[in-house]
Amino acid sequence: MKSYLDQIISENIRNEIESSGKSKTEIAAAIGVSKPTVSQYCSGKVQPSLSTLSRLCKFLDCSADDILNIDKPR
């Protein structure tokens, strides 16, 4: 059973990928994983390691804070 945070993270990854306009094949090659693995990140079956998340965020030009649903103090 996925936790609420796992669901949020997978949803955020999926949204960032969709808004990037890049294919899962292109993303997979750029971050060093397989296309099925990228699909698993999007579905929430698997969460990326921190190093993979870092590469994903750099490639998609997005913030890990946004993916991880971290609110910054004001």
C-alpha atoms as a PDB file:
ATOM      1  CA  MET A   1       0.000   0.000   0.000  1.00  0.00           C
ATOM      2  CA  LYS A   2       1.402   3.358  -1.057  1.00  0.00           C
ATOM      3  CA  SER A   3       1.630   6.128   1.474  1.00  0.00           C
ATOM      4  CA  TYR A   4       0.007   9.464   0.814  1.00  0.00           C
ATOM      5  CA  LEU A   5       3.442  11.032   0.233  1.00  0.00           C
ATOM      6  CA  ASP A   6       4.372   8.300  -2.272  1.00  0.00           C
ATOM      7  CA  GLN A   7       1.185   9.091  -4.185  1.00  0.00           C
ATOM      8  CA  ILE A   8       1.977  12.813  -4.193  1.00  0.00           C
ATOM      9  CA  ILE A   9       5.554  12.216  -5.358  1.00  0.00           C
ATOM     10  CA  SER A  10       4.481   9.952  -8.223  1.00  0.00           C
ATOM     11  CA  GLU A  11       1.785  12.436  -9.252  1.00  0.00           C
ATOM     12  CA  ASN A  12       4.313  15.292  -9.191  1.00  0.00           C
ATOM     13  CA  ILE A  13       6.805  13.279 -11.264  1.00  0.00           C
ATOM     14  CA  ARG A  14       4.082  12.415 -13.767  1.00  0.00           C
ATOM     15  CA  ASN A  15       2.999  16.063 -14.024  1.00  0.00           C
ATOM     16  CA  GLU A  16       6.563  17.318 -14.520  1.00  0.00           C
ATOM     17  CA  ILE A  17       7.188  14.714 -17.226  1.00  0.00           C
ATOM     18  CA  GLU A  18       3.953  15.544 -19.025  1.00  0.00           C
ATOM     19  CA  SER A  19       4.606  19.287 -18.918  1.00  0.00           C
ATOM     20  CA  SER A  20       8.191  18.825 -20.142  1.00  0.00           C
ATOM     21  CA  GLY A  21       7.081  17.521 -23.529  1.00  0.00           C
ATOM     22  CA  LYS A  22       9.868  14.931 -23.381  1.00  0.00           C
ATOM     23  CA  SER A  23       9.237  11.243 -23.983  1.00  0.00           C
ATOM     24  CA  LYS A  24       9.772   8.638 -21.287  1.00  0.00           C
ATOM     25  CA  THR A  25      12.359   7.011 -23.580  1.00  0.00           C
ATOM     26  CA  GLU A  26      14.286  10.288 -23.818  1.00  0.00           C
ATOM     27  CA  ILE A  27      14.080  10.830 -20.063  1.00  0.00           C
ATOM     28  CA  ALA A  28      15.160   7.270 -19.295  1.00  0.00           C
ATOM     29  CA  ALA A  29      18.241   7.569 -21.506  1.00  0.00           C
ATOM     30  CA  ALA A  30      19.180  10.918 -19.967  1.00  0.00           C
ATOM     31  CA  ILE A  31      18.938   9.770 -16.337  1.00  0.00           C
ATOM     32  CA  GLY A  32      20.323   6.248 -16.795  1.00  0.00           C
ATOM     33  CA  VAL A  33      17.265   4.075 -16.172  1.00  0.00           C
ATOM     34  CA  SER A  34      14.931   2.053 -18.393  1.00  0.00           C
ATOM     35  CA  LYS A  35      11.698   3.379 -19.887  1.00  0.00           C
ATOM     36  CA  PRO A  36       9.652   0.920 -17.752  1.00  0.00           C
ATOM     37  CA  THR A  37      11.367   2.327 -14.669  1.00  0.00           C
ATOM     38  CA  VAL A  38      10.288   5.861 -15.605  1.00  0.00           C
ATOM     39  CA  SER A  39       6.745   4.512 -16.032  1.00  0.00           C
ATOM     40  CA  GLN A  40       6.972   2.949 -12.566  1.00  0.00           C
ATOM     41  CA  TYR A  41       8.004   6.327 -11.119  1.00  0.00           C
ATOM     42  CA  CYS A  42       4.900   7.851 -12.721  1.00  0.00           C
ATOM     43  CA  SER A  43       2.580   5.134 -11.428  1.00  0.00           C
ATOM     44  CA  GLY A  44       4.089   5.107  -7.952  1.00  0.00           C
ATOM     45  CA  LYS A  45       5.165   1.472  -8.075  1.00  0.00           C
ATOM     46  CA  VAL A  46       8.766   2.564  -7.515  1.00  0.00           C
ATOM     47  CA  GLN A  47      10.313   5.739  -6.142  1.00  0.00           C
ATOM     48  CA  PRO A  48      13.578   7.060  -7.619  1.00  0.00           C
ATOM     49  CA  SER A  49      16.715   7.040  -5.519  1.00  0.00           C
ATOM     50  CA  LEU A  50      17.960  10.460  -4.449  1.00  0.00           C
ATOM     51  CA  SER A  51      20.686  10.447  -7.106  1.00  0.00           C
ATOM     52  CA  THR A  52      18.182   9.492  -9.798  1.00  0.00           C
ATOM     53  CA  LEU A  53      15.736  12.114  -8.568  1.00  0.00           C
ATOM     54  CA  SER A  54      18.520  14.689  -8.795  1.00  0.00           C
ATOM     55  CA  ARG A  55      19.286  13.718 -12.413  1.00  0.00           C
ATOM     56  CA  LEU A  56      15.562  13.730 -13.238  1.00  0.00           C
ATOM     57  CA  CYS A  57      15.075  17.213 -11.802  1.00  0.00           C
ATOM     58  CA  LYS A  58      18.121  18.564 -13.622  1.00  0.00           C
ATOM     59  CA  PHE A  59      16.985  17.048 -16.921  1.00  0.00           C
ATOM     60  CA  LEU A  60      13.412  18.304 -16.540  1.00  0.00           C
ATOM     61  CA  ASP A  61      14.603  21.653 -15.126  1.00  0.00           C
ATOM     62  CA  CYS A  62      12.349  21.372 -12.098  1.00  0.00           C
ATOM     63  CA  SER A  63      12.793  21.610  -8.352  1.00  0.00           C
ATOM     64  CA  ALA A  64      13.130  18.557  -6.119  1.00  0.00           C
ATOM     65  CA  ASP A  65      11.149  20.579  -3.559  1.00  0.00           C
ATOM     66  CA  ASP A  66       8.212  20.587  -5.960  1.00  0.00           C
ATOM     67  CA  ILE A  67       8.506  16.850  -6.634  1.00  0.00           C
ATOM     68  CA  LEU A  68       8.813  16.020  -2.931  1.00  0.00           C
ATOM     69  CA  ASN A  69       6.052  18.442  -1.964  1.00  0.00           C
ATOM     70  CA  ILE A  70       8.307  20.423   0.379  1.00  0.00           C
ATOM     71  CA  ASP A  71       6.984  23.802   1.451  1.00  0.00           C
ATOM     72  CA  LYS A  72       9.653  26.377   2.127  1.00  0.00           C
ATOM     73  CA  PRO A  73       9.333  28.505   5.260  1.00  0.00           C
ATOM     74  CA  ARG A  74       8.255  32.079   4.658  1.00  0.00           C
END
